PDB file of all heavy atoms in Angstrom:
ATOM      1  N   SER A   1      -8.592  23.856 -26.646  1.00  0.00           N
ATOM      2  CA  SER A   1      -9.073  23.561 -25.296  1.00  0.00           C
ATOM      3  C   SER A   1     -10.508  24.050 -25.165  1.00  0.00           C
ATOM      4  O   SER A   1     -10.802  25.208 -25.459  1.00  0.00           O
ATOM      5  CB  SER A   1      -8.179  24.251 -24.271  1.00  0.00           C
ATOM      6  OG  SER A   1      -8.684  24.046 -22.981  1.00  0.00           O
ATOM      7  N   GLU A   2     -11.398  23.157 -24.746  1.00  0.00           N
ATOM      8  CA  GLU A   2     -12.801  23.542 -24.616  1.00  0.00           C
ATOM      9  C   GLU A   2     -13.395  23.176 -23.266  1.00  0.00           C
ATOM     10  O   GLU A   2     -14.072  23.983 -22.659  1.00  0.00           O
ATOM     11  CB  GLU A   2     -13.641  22.911 -25.728  1.00  0.00           C
ATOM     12  CG  GLU A   2     -13.302  23.475 -27.090  1.00  0.00           C
ATOM     13  CD  GLU A   2     -14.260  23.020 -28.165  1.00  0.00           C
ATOM     14  OE1 GLU A   2     -15.206  22.279 -27.867  1.00  0.00           O
ATOM     15  OE2 GLU A   2     -14.042  23.414 -29.321  1.00  0.00           O
ATOM     16  N   ASP A   3     -13.195  21.958 -22.805  1.00  0.00           N
ATOM     17  CA  ASP A   3     -13.822  21.503 -21.569  1.00  0.00           C
ATOM     18  C   ASP A   3     -12.793  21.449 -20.446  1.00  0.00           C
ATOM     19  O   ASP A   3     -11.589  21.434 -20.688  1.00  0.00           O
ATOM     20  CB  ASP A   3     -14.438  20.115 -21.752  1.00  0.00           C
ATOM     21  CG  ASP A   3     -15.585  20.115 -22.756  1.00  0.00           C
ATOM     22  OD1 ASP A   3     -16.025  21.200 -23.170  1.00  0.00           O
ATOM     23  OD2 ASP A   3     -16.027  19.014 -23.120  1.00  0.00           O
ATOM     24  N   LYS A   4     -13.287  21.411 -19.228  1.00  0.00           N
ATOM     25  CA  LYS A   4     -12.425  21.310 -18.052  1.00  0.00           C
ATOM     26  C   LYS A   4     -12.899  20.156 -17.184  1.00  0.00           C
ATOM     27  O   LYS A   4     -14.082  19.824 -17.147  1.00  0.00           O
ATOM     28  CB  LYS A   4     -12.472  22.589 -17.211  1.00  0.00           C
ATOM     29  CG  LYS A   4     -12.138  23.852 -17.964  1.00  0.00           C
ATOM     30  CD  LYS A   4     -10.698  23.929 -18.338  1.00  0.00           C
ATOM     31  CE  LYS A   4     -10.412  25.285 -18.971  1.00  0.00           C
ATOM     32  NZ  LYS A   4      -9.317  25.288 -19.859  1.00  0.00           N
ATOM     33  N   ILE A   5     -11.954  19.556 -16.476  1.00  0.00           N
ATOM     34  CA  ILE A   5     -12.259  18.491 -15.530  1.00  0.00           C
ATOM     35  C   ILE A   5     -11.629  18.869 -14.198  1.00  0.00           C
ATOM     36  O   ILE A   5     -10.472  19.281 -14.147  1.00  0.00           O
ATOM     37  CB  ILE A   5     -11.687  17.138 -15.996  1.00  0.00           C
ATOM     38  CG1 ILE A   5     -12.334  16.699 -17.313  1.00  0.00           C
ATOM     39  CG2 ILE A   5     -11.866  16.073 -14.917  1.00  0.00           C
ATOM     40  CD1 ILE A   5     -11.715  15.459 -17.921  1.00  0.00           C
ATOM     41  N   VAL A   6     -12.413  18.748 -13.130  1.00  0.00           N
ATOM     42  CA  VAL A   6     -11.903  18.958 -11.774  1.00  0.00           C
ATOM     43  C   VAL A   6     -12.031  17.629 -11.052  1.00  0.00           C
ATOM     44  O   VAL A   6     -13.113  17.036 -10.996  1.00  0.00           O
ATOM     45  CB  VAL A   6     -12.689  20.049 -11.027  1.00  0.00           C
ATOM     46  CG1 VAL A   6     -12.044  20.336  -9.682  1.00  0.00           C
ATOM     47  CG2 VAL A   6     -12.799  21.312 -11.853  1.00  0.00           C
ATOM     48  N   LEU A   7     -10.930  17.168 -10.513  1.00  0.00           N
ATOM     49  CA  LEU A   7     -10.875  15.886  -9.817  1.00  0.00           C
ATOM     50  C   LEU A   7     -10.486  16.139  -8.371  1.00  0.00           C
ATOM     51  O   LEU A   7      -9.512  16.834  -8.100  1.00  0.00           O
ATOM     52  CB  LEU A   7      -9.841  14.985 -10.490  1.00  0.00           C
ATOM     53  CG  LEU A   7      -9.431  13.700  -9.793  1.00  0.00           C
ATOM     54  CD1 LEU A   7     -10.610  12.759  -9.654  1.00  0.00           C
ATOM     55  CD2 LEU A   7      -8.313  13.022 -10.559  1.00  0.00           C
ATOM     56  N   GLU A   8     -11.286  15.604  -7.453  1.00  0.00           N
ATOM     57  CA  GLU A   8     -10.960  15.693  -6.034  1.00  0.00           C
ATOM     58  C   GLU A   8     -10.700  14.282  -5.527  1.00  0.00           C
ATOM     59  O   GLU A   8     -11.541  13.394  -5.655  1.00  0.00           O
ATOM     60  CB  GLU A   8     -12.109  16.311  -5.247  1.00  0.00           C
ATOM     61  CG  GLU A   8     -11.816  16.384  -3.759  1.00  0.00           C
ATOM     62  CD  GLU A   8     -13.007  16.852  -2.944  1.00  0.00           C
ATOM     63  OE1 GLU A   8     -14.149  16.792  -3.436  1.00  0.00           O
ATOM     64  OE2 GLU A   8     -12.783  17.257  -1.801  1.00  0.00           O
ATOM     65  N   TRP A   9      -9.513  14.077  -4.975  1.00  0.00           N
ATOM     66  CA  TRP A   9      -9.180  12.778  -4.365  1.00  0.00           C
ATOM     67  C   TRP A   9      -9.757  12.795  -2.964  1.00  0.00           C
ATOM     68  O   TRP A   9      -9.218  13.418  -2.066  1.00  0.00           O
ATOM     69  CB  TRP A   9      -7.674  12.572  -4.334  1.00  0.00           C
ATOM     70  CG  TRP A   9      -7.089  12.477  -5.693  1.00  0.00           C
ATOM     71  CD1 TRP A   9      -6.404  13.438  -6.364  1.00  0.00           C
ATOM     72  CD2 TRP A   9      -7.146  11.345  -6.563  1.00  0.00           C
ATOM     73  NE1 TRP A   9      -6.038  12.982  -7.593  1.00  0.00           N
ATOM     74  CE2 TRP A   9      -6.474  11.706  -7.754  1.00  0.00           C
ATOM     75  CE3 TRP A   9      -7.711  10.074  -6.466  1.00  0.00           C
ATOM     76  CZ2 TRP A   9      -6.342  10.827  -8.822  1.00  0.00           C
ATOM     77  CZ3 TRP A   9      -7.583   9.205  -7.531  1.00  0.00           C
ATOM     78  CH2 TRP A   9      -6.908   9.583  -8.690  1.00  0.00           C
ATOM     79  N   ASN A  10     -10.880  12.123  -2.753  1.00  0.00           N
ATOM     80  CA  ASN A  10     -11.614  12.212  -1.511  1.00  0.00           C
ATOM     81  C   ASN A  10     -11.766  10.834  -0.874  1.00  0.00           C
ATOM     82  O   ASN A  10     -12.598  10.045  -1.304  1.00  0.00           O
ATOM     83  CB  ASN A  10     -12.993  12.821  -1.794  1.00  0.00           C
ATOM     84  CG  ASN A  10     -13.829  12.976  -0.551  1.00  0.00           C
ATOM     85  OD1 ASN A  10     -13.310  13.272   0.517  1.00  0.00           O
ATOM     86  ND2 ASN A  10     -15.111  12.768  -0.670  1.00  0.00           N
ATOM     87  N   ASN A  11     -10.983  10.537   0.158  1.00  0.00           N
ATOM     88  CA  ASN A  11     -11.118   9.285   0.911  1.00  0.00           C
ATOM     89  C   ASN A  11     -11.214   8.058   0.004  1.00  0.00           C
ATOM     90  O   ASN A  11     -12.081   7.218   0.170  1.00  0.00           O
ATOM     91  CB  ASN A  11     -12.350   9.340   1.820  1.00  0.00           C
ATOM     92  CG  ASN A  11     -12.228  10.434   2.855  1.00  0.00           C
ATOM     93  OD1 ASN A  11     -11.136  10.735   3.328  1.00  0.00           O
ATOM     94  ND2 ASN A  11     -13.337  11.046   3.194  1.00  0.00           N
ATOM     95  N   ASN A  12     -10.343   7.969  -0.944  1.00  0.00           N
ATOM     96  CA  ASN A  12     -10.297   6.849  -1.888  1.00  0.00           C
ATOM     97  C   ASN A  12     -11.552   6.714  -2.745  1.00  0.00           C
ATOM     98  O   ASN A  12     -11.779   5.676  -3.331  1.00  0.00           O
ATOM     99  CB  ASN A  12     -10.006   5.528  -1.164  1.00  0.00           C
ATOM    100  CG  ASN A  12      -8.636   5.541  -0.546  1.00  0.00           C
ATOM    101  OD1 ASN A  12      -7.703   6.113  -1.097  1.00  0.00           O
ATOM    102  ND2 ASN A  12      -8.507   4.920   0.611  1.00  0.00           N
ATOM    103  N   GLU A  13     -12.388   7.742  -2.783  1.00  0.00           N
ATOM    104  CA  GLU A  13     -13.543   7.791  -3.672  1.00  0.00           C
ATOM    105  C   GLU A  13     -13.443   9.075  -4.495  1.00  0.00           C
ATOM    106  O   GLU A  13     -14.068  10.071  -4.162  1.00  0.00           O
ATOM    107  CB  GLU A  13     -14.852   7.763  -2.894  1.00  0.00           C
ATOM    108  CG  GLU A  13     -15.093   6.461  -2.166  1.00  0.00           C
ATOM    109  CD  GLU A  13     -16.420   6.474  -1.430  1.00  0.00           C
ATOM    110  OE1 GLU A  13     -16.835   7.537  -0.927  1.00  0.00           O
ATOM    111  OE2 GLU A  13     -17.034   5.412  -1.357  1.00  0.00           O
ATOM    112  N   PRO A  14     -12.626   9.078  -5.522  1.00  0.00           N
ATOM    113  CA  PRO A  14     -12.435  10.303  -6.299  1.00  0.00           C
ATOM    114  C   PRO A  14     -13.767  10.851  -6.825  1.00  0.00           C
ATOM    115  O   PRO A  14     -14.654  10.085  -7.222  1.00  0.00           O
ATOM    116  CB  PRO A  14     -11.550   9.848  -7.458  1.00  0.00           C
ATOM    117  CG  PRO A  14     -10.904   8.600  -6.985  1.00  0.00           C
ATOM    118  CD  PRO A  14     -11.874   7.959  -6.059  1.00  0.00           C
ATOM    119  N   ARG A  15     -13.869  12.165  -6.794  1.00  0.00           N
ATOM    120  CA  ARG A  15     -15.060  12.844  -7.286  1.00  0.00           C
ATOM    121  C   ARG A  15     -14.657  13.718  -8.464  1.00  0.00           C
ATOM    122  O   ARG A  15     -13.797  14.585  -8.337  1.00  0.00           O
ATOM    123  CB  ARG A  15     -15.705  13.654  -6.172  1.00  0.00           C
ATOM    124  CG  ARG A  15     -16.148  12.762  -5.024  1.00  0.00           C
ATOM    125  CD  ARG A  15     -16.994  13.437  -4.008  1.00  0.00           C
ATOM    126  NE  ARG A  15     -16.306  14.482  -3.276  1.00  0.00           N
ATOM    127  CZ  ARG A  15     -16.794  15.067  -2.193  1.00  0.00           C
ATOM    128  NH1 ARG A  15     -17.963  14.706  -1.717  1.00  0.00           N
ATOM    129  NH2 ARG A  15     -16.119  16.016  -1.584  1.00  0.00           N
ATOM    130  N   VAL A  16     -15.309  13.466  -9.585  1.00  0.00           N
ATOM    131  CA  VAL A  16     -14.960  14.114 -10.843  1.00  0.00           C
ATOM    132  C   VAL A  16     -16.107  15.017 -11.285  1.00  0.00           C
ATOM    133  O   VAL A  16     -17.265  14.606 -11.259  1.00  0.00           O
ATOM    134  CB  VAL A  16     -14.704  13.051 -11.942  1.00  0.00           C
ATOM    135  CG1 VAL A  16     -14.350  13.714 -13.259  1.00  0.00           C
ATOM    136  CG2 VAL A  16     -13.629  12.068 -11.509  1.00  0.00           C
ATOM    137  N   LEU A  17     -15.768  16.238 -11.692  1.00  0.00           N
ATOM    138  CA  LEU A  17     -16.743  17.142 -12.297  1.00  0.00           C
ATOM    139  C   LEU A  17     -16.212  17.508 -13.680  1.00  0.00           C
ATOM    140  O   LEU A  17     -15.108  18.045 -13.807  1.00  0.00           O
ATOM    141  CB  LEU A  17     -16.932  18.403 -11.453  1.00  0.00           C
ATOM    142  CG  LEU A  17     -17.904  19.431 -12.036  1.00  0.00           C
ATOM    143  CD1 LEU A  17     -19.322  18.863 -12.096  1.00  0.00           C
ATOM    144  CD2 LEU A  17     -17.871  20.712 -11.226  1.00  0.00           C
ATOM    145  N   VAL A  18     -16.993  17.193 -14.705  1.00  0.00           N
ATOM    146  CA  VAL A  18     -16.654  17.560 -16.078  1.00  0.00           C
ATOM    147  C   VAL A  18     -17.509  18.767 -16.435  1.00  0.00           C
ATOM    148  O   VAL A  18     -18.737  18.716 -16.349  1.00  0.00           O
ATOM    149  CB  VAL A  18     -16.939  16.399 -17.060  1.00  0.00           C
ATOM    150  CG1 VAL A  18     -16.638  16.824 -18.483  1.00  0.00           C
ATOM    151  CG2 VAL A  18     -16.137  15.169 -16.673  1.00  0.00           C
ATOM    152  N   ILE A  19     -16.853  19.851 -16.816  1.00  0.00           N
ATOM    153  CA  ILE A  19     -17.545  21.077 -17.205  1.00  0.00           C
ATOM    154  C   ILE A  19     -17.382  21.198 -18.717  1.00  0.00           C
ATOM    155  O   ILE A  19     -16.280  21.417 -19.216  1.00  0.00           O
ATOM    156  CB  ILE A  19     -16.941  22.308 -16.507  1.00  0.00           C
ATOM    157  CG1 ILE A  19     -16.844  22.071 -15.000  1.00  0.00           C
ATOM    158  CG2 ILE A  19     -17.771  23.544 -16.815  1.00  0.00           C
ATOM    159  CD1 ILE A  19     -15.929  23.047 -14.284  1.00  0.00           C
ATOM    160  N   THR A  20     -18.472  21.032 -19.442  1.00  0.00           N
ATOM    161  CA  THR A  20     -18.399  21.039 -20.896  1.00  0.00           C
ATOM    162  C   THR A  20     -19.129  22.249 -21.470  1.00  0.00           C
ATOM    163  O   THR A  20     -20.157  22.660 -20.938  1.00  0.00           O
ATOM    164  CB  THR A  20     -18.952  19.737 -21.511  1.00  0.00           C
ATOM    165  OG1 THR A  20     -18.800  19.768 -22.920  1.00  0.00           O
ATOM    166  CG2 THR A  20     -20.403  19.508 -21.175  1.00  0.00           C
ATOM    167  N   LYS A  21     -18.583  22.807 -22.527  1.00  0.00           N
ATOM    168  CA  LYS A  21     -19.232  23.944 -23.164  1.00  0.00           C
ATOM    169  C   LYS A  21     -20.015  23.540 -24.398  1.00  0.00           C
ATOM    170  O   LYS A  21     -20.461  24.376 -25.160  1.00  0.00           O
ATOM    171  CB  LYS A  21     -18.218  25.037 -23.465  1.00  0.00           C
ATOM    172  CG  LYS A  21     -17.177  24.683 -24.486  1.00  0.00           C
ATOM    173  CD  LYS A  21     -16.083  25.714 -24.600  1.00  0.00           C
ATOM    174  CE  LYS A  21     -16.499  26.933 -25.348  1.00  0.00           C
ATOM    175  NZ  LYS A  21     -15.393  27.872 -25.550  1.00  0.00           N
ATOM    176  N   SER A  22     -20.214  22.231 -24.595  1.00  0.00           N
ATOM    177  CA  SER A  22     -20.953  21.729 -25.755  1.00  0.00           C
ATOM    178  C   SER A  22     -22.128  20.876 -25.290  1.00  0.00           C
ATOM    179  O   SER A  22     -21.937  19.843 -24.646  1.00  0.00           O
ATOM    180  CB  SER A  22     -20.032  20.886 -26.632  1.00  0.00           C
ATOM    181  OG  SER A  22     -20.776  20.132 -27.554  1.00  0.00           O
ATOM    182  N   ALA A  23     -23.325  21.295 -25.645  1.00  0.00           N
ATOM    183  CA  ALA A  23     -24.509  20.513 -25.302  1.00  0.00           C
ATOM    184  C   ALA A  23     -24.458  19.145 -25.976  1.00  0.00           C
ATOM    185  O   ALA A  23     -24.927  18.153 -25.406  1.00  0.00           O
ATOM    186  CB  ALA A  23     -25.773  21.272 -25.712  1.00  0.00           C
ATOM    187  N   ASP A  24     -23.877  19.077 -27.162  1.00  0.00           N
ATOM    188  CA  ASP A  24     -23.772  17.794 -27.871  1.00  0.00           C
ATOM    189  C   ASP A  24     -22.899  16.799 -27.110  1.00  0.00           C
ATOM    190  O   ASP A  24     -23.185  15.607 -27.110  1.00  0.00           O
ATOM    191  CB  ASP A  24     -23.200  17.994 -29.279  1.00  0.00           C
ATOM    192  CG  ASP A  24     -24.164  18.731 -30.192  1.00  0.00           C
ATOM    193  OD1 ASP A  24     -25.382  18.710 -29.917  1.00  0.00           O
ATOM    194  OD2 ASP A  24     -23.702  19.327 -31.182  1.00  0.00           O
ATOM    195  N   ARG A  25     -21.835  17.268 -26.471  1.00  0.00           N
ATOM    196  CA  ARG A  25     -20.962  16.354 -25.726  1.00  0.00           C
ATOM    197  C   ARG A  25     -21.607  15.855 -24.437  1.00  0.00           C
ATOM    198  O   ARG A  25     -21.201  14.827 -23.901  1.00  0.00           O
ATOM    199  CB  ARG A  25     -19.610  17.008 -25.451  1.00  0.00           C
ATOM    200  CG  ARG A  25     -18.711  17.002 -26.667  1.00  0.00           C
ATOM    201  CD  ARG A  25     -17.277  17.286 -26.322  1.00  0.00           C
ATOM    202  NE  ARG A  25     -17.047  18.609 -25.789  1.00  0.00           N
ATOM    203  CZ  ARG A  25     -16.857  19.708 -26.516  1.00  0.00           C
ATOM    204  NH1 ARG A  25     -16.876  19.648 -27.823  1.00  0.00           N
ATOM    205  NH2 ARG A  25     -16.636  20.861 -25.931  1.00  0.00           N
ATOM    206  N   MET A  26     -22.630  16.552 -23.952  1.00  0.00           N
ATOM    207  CA  MET A  26     -23.334  16.080 -22.758  1.00  0.00           C
ATOM    208  C   MET A  26     -24.011  14.736 -23.033  1.00  0.00           C
ATOM    209  O   MET A  26     -24.184  13.936 -22.128  1.00  0.00           O
ATOM    210  CB  MET A  26     -24.380  17.099 -22.300  1.00  0.00           C
ATOM    211  CG  MET A  26     -23.800  18.350 -21.668  1.00  0.00           C
ATOM    212  SD  MET A  26     -22.991  18.053 -20.084  1.00  0.00           S
ATOM    213  CE  MET A  26     -24.379  17.721 -19.038  1.00  0.00           C
ATOM    214  N   THR A  27     -24.374  14.480 -24.294  1.00  0.00           N
ATOM    215  CA  THR A  27     -25.085  13.242 -24.631  1.00  0.00           C
ATOM    216  C   THR A  27     -24.294  12.339 -25.579  1.00  0.00           C
ATOM    217  O   THR A  27     -24.775  11.272 -25.943  1.00  0.00           O
ATOM    218  CB  THR A  27     -26.443  13.574 -25.288  1.00  0.00           C
ATOM    219  OG1 THR A  27     -26.220  14.377 -26.445  1.00  0.00           O
ATOM    220  CG2 THR A  27     -27.345  14.315 -24.308  1.00  0.00           C
ATOM    221  N   SER A  28     -23.096  12.732 -25.942  1.00  0.00           N
ATOM    222  CA  SER A  28     -22.297  11.944 -26.879  1.00  0.00           C
ATOM    223  C   SER A  28     -21.792  10.655 -26.226  1.00  0.00           C
ATOM    224  O   SER A  28     -21.120  10.682 -25.196  1.00  0.00           O
ATOM    225  CB  SER A  28     -21.096  12.771 -27.354  1.00  0.00           C
ATOM    226  OG  SER A  28     -20.149  11.954 -28.009  1.00  0.00           O
ATOM    227  N   GLU A  29     -22.109   9.526 -26.833  1.00  0.00           N
ATOM    228  CA  GLU A  29     -21.634   8.245 -26.317  1.00  0.00           C
ATOM    229  C   GLU A  29     -20.117   8.132 -26.420  1.00  0.00           C
ATOM    230  O   GLU A  29     -19.470   7.570 -25.535  1.00  0.00           O
ATOM    231  CB  GLU A  29     -22.309   7.093 -27.065  1.00  0.00           C
ATOM    232  CG  GLU A  29     -23.763   6.933 -26.710  1.00  0.00           C
ATOM    233  CD  GLU A  29     -24.393   5.742 -27.402  1.00  0.00           C
ATOM    234  OE1 GLU A  29     -23.674   4.775 -27.721  1.00  0.00           O
ATOM    235  OE2 GLU A  29     -25.617   5.787 -27.608  1.00  0.00           O
ATOM    236  N   GLU A  30     -19.551   8.663 -27.507  1.00  0.00           N
ATOM    237  CA  GLU A  30     -18.103   8.596 -27.675  1.00  0.00           C
ATOM    238  C   GLU A  30     -17.393   9.392 -26.574  1.00  0.00           C
ATOM    239  O   GLU A  30     -16.435   8.922 -25.976  1.00  0.00           O
ATOM    240  CB  GLU A  30     -17.692   9.118 -29.055  1.00  0.00           C
ATOM    241  CG  GLU A  30     -16.216   8.958 -29.336  1.00  0.00           C
ATOM    242  CD  GLU A  30     -15.827   9.295 -30.767  1.00  0.00           C
ATOM    243  OE1 GLU A  30     -16.675   9.774 -31.546  1.00  0.00           O
ATOM    244  OE2 GLU A  30     -14.650   9.090 -31.092  1.00  0.00           O
ATOM    245  N   TYR A  31     -17.877  10.580 -26.298  1.00  0.00           N
ATOM    246  CA  TYR A  31     -17.264  11.420 -25.263  1.00  0.00           C
ATOM    247  C   TYR A  31     -17.436  10.786 -23.878  1.00  0.00           C
ATOM    248  O   TYR A  31     -16.511  10.758 -23.079  1.00  0.00           O
ATOM    249  CB  TYR A  31     -17.884  12.816 -25.298  1.00  0.00           C
ATOM    250  CG  TYR A  31     -17.192  13.828 -24.414  1.00  0.00           C
ATOM    251  CD1 TYR A  31     -15.840  14.112 -24.587  1.00  0.00           C
ATOM    252  CD2 TYR A  31     -17.886  14.512 -23.431  1.00  0.00           C
ATOM    253  CE1 TYR A  31     -15.204  15.047 -23.788  1.00  0.00           C
ATOM    254  CE2 TYR A  31     -17.256  15.451 -22.635  1.00  0.00           C
ATOM    255  CZ  TYR A  31     -15.912  15.711 -22.821  1.00  0.00           C
ATOM    256  OH  TYR A  31     -15.295  16.644 -22.027  1.00  0.00           O
ATOM    257  N   THR A  32     -18.625  10.262 -23.610  1.00  0.00           N
ATOM    258  CA  THR A  32     -18.863   9.577 -22.337  1.00  0.00           C
ATOM    259  C   THR A  32     -17.893   8.417 -22.170  1.00  0.00           C
ATOM    260  O   THR A  32     -17.318   8.224 -21.093  1.00  0.00           O
ATOM    261  CB  THR A  32     -20.319   9.080 -22.254  1.00  0.00           C
ATOM    262  OG1 THR A  32     -21.189  10.213 -22.335  1.00  0.00           O
ATOM    263  CG2 THR A  32     -20.572   8.333 -20.951  1.00  0.00           C
ATOM    264  N   GLY A  33     -17.668   7.645 -23.227  1.00  0.00           N
ATOM    265  CA  GLY A  33     -16.729   6.526 -23.179  1.00  0.00           C
ATOM    266  C   GLY A  33     -15.310   6.971 -22.889  1.00  0.00           C
ATOM    267  O   GLY A  33     -14.582   6.315 -22.136  1.00  0.00           O
ATOM    268  N   ILE A  34     -14.898   8.091 -23.459  1.00  0.00           N
ATOM    269  CA  ILE A  34     -13.554   8.625 -23.220  1.00  0.00           C
ATOM    270  C   ILE A  34     -13.392   8.991 -21.744  1.00  0.00           C
ATOM    271  O   ILE A  34     -12.417   8.611 -21.099  1.00  0.00           O
ATOM    272  CB  ILE A  34     -13.280   9.851 -24.121  1.00  0.00           C
ATOM    273  CG1 ILE A  34     -13.172   9.423 -25.583  1.00  0.00           C
ATOM    274  CG2 ILE A  34     -12.025  10.593 -23.665  1.00  0.00           C
ATOM    275  CD1 ILE A  34     -13.204  10.575 -26.567  1.00  0.00           C
ATOM    276  N   ILE A  35     -14.361   9.727 -21.201  1.00  0.00           N
ATOM    277  CA  ILE A  35     -14.289  10.174 -19.806  1.00  0.00           C
ATOM    278  C   ILE A  35     -14.321   8.987 -18.850  1.00  0.00           C
ATOM    279  O   ILE A  35     -13.509   8.886 -17.925  1.00  0.00           O
ATOM    280  CB  ILE A  35     -15.428  11.170 -19.490  1.00  0.00           C
ATOM    281  CG1 ILE A  35     -15.319  12.410 -20.362  1.00  0.00           C
ATOM    282  CG2 ILE A  35     -15.448  11.527 -18.010  1.00  0.00           C
ATOM    283  CD1 ILE A  35     -14.046  13.211 -20.200  1.00  0.00           C
ATOM    284  N   LEU A  36     -15.255   8.058 -19.067  1.00  0.00           N
ATOM    285  CA  LEU A  36     -15.341   6.895 -18.179  1.00  0.00           C
ATOM    286  C   LEU A  36     -14.074   6.057 -18.252  1.00  0.00           C
ATOM    287  O   LEU A  36     -13.550   5.614 -17.226  1.00  0.00           O
ATOM    288  CB  LEU A  36     -16.563   6.043 -18.528  1.00  0.00           C
ATOM    289  CG  LEU A  36     -17.916   6.646 -18.176  1.00  0.00           C
ATOM    290  CD1 LEU A  36     -19.035   5.758 -18.695  1.00  0.00           C
ATOM    291  CD2 LEU A  36     -18.050   6.879 -16.688  1.00  0.00           C
ATOM    292  N   GLY A  37     -13.556   5.826 -19.454  1.00  0.00           N
ATOM    293  CA  GLY A  37     -12.334   5.040 -19.607  1.00  0.00           C
ATOM    294  C   GLY A  37     -11.153   5.677 -18.908  1.00  0.00           C
ATOM    295  O   GLY A  37     -10.344   4.998 -18.264  1.00  0.00           O
ATOM    296  N   LEU A  38     -11.044   6.987 -18.997  1.00  0.00           N
ATOM    297  CA  LEU A  38      -9.947   7.704 -18.349  1.00  0.00           C
ATOM    298  C   LEU A  38      -9.966   7.485 -16.842  1.00  0.00           C
ATOM    299  O   LEU A  38      -8.960   7.119 -16.239  1.00  0.00           O
ATOM    300  CB  LEU A  38     -10.054   9.195 -18.668  1.00  0.00           C
ATOM    301  CG  LEU A  38      -9.084  10.124 -17.979  1.00  0.00           C
ATOM    302  CD1 LEU A  38      -7.663   9.851 -18.440  1.00  0.00           C
ATOM    303  CD2 LEU A  38      -9.456  11.571 -18.258  1.00  0.00           C
TER     304      LEU A  38
END
């Protein structure tokens, strides 16, 4: 376990905060695709 995600269900506009401990994952296209797809 490395990163955390906090999801707030807000008036049918969910707000997501991804807290990552890897600078590389901040710019990784593969990781971005996983998060967006989810």
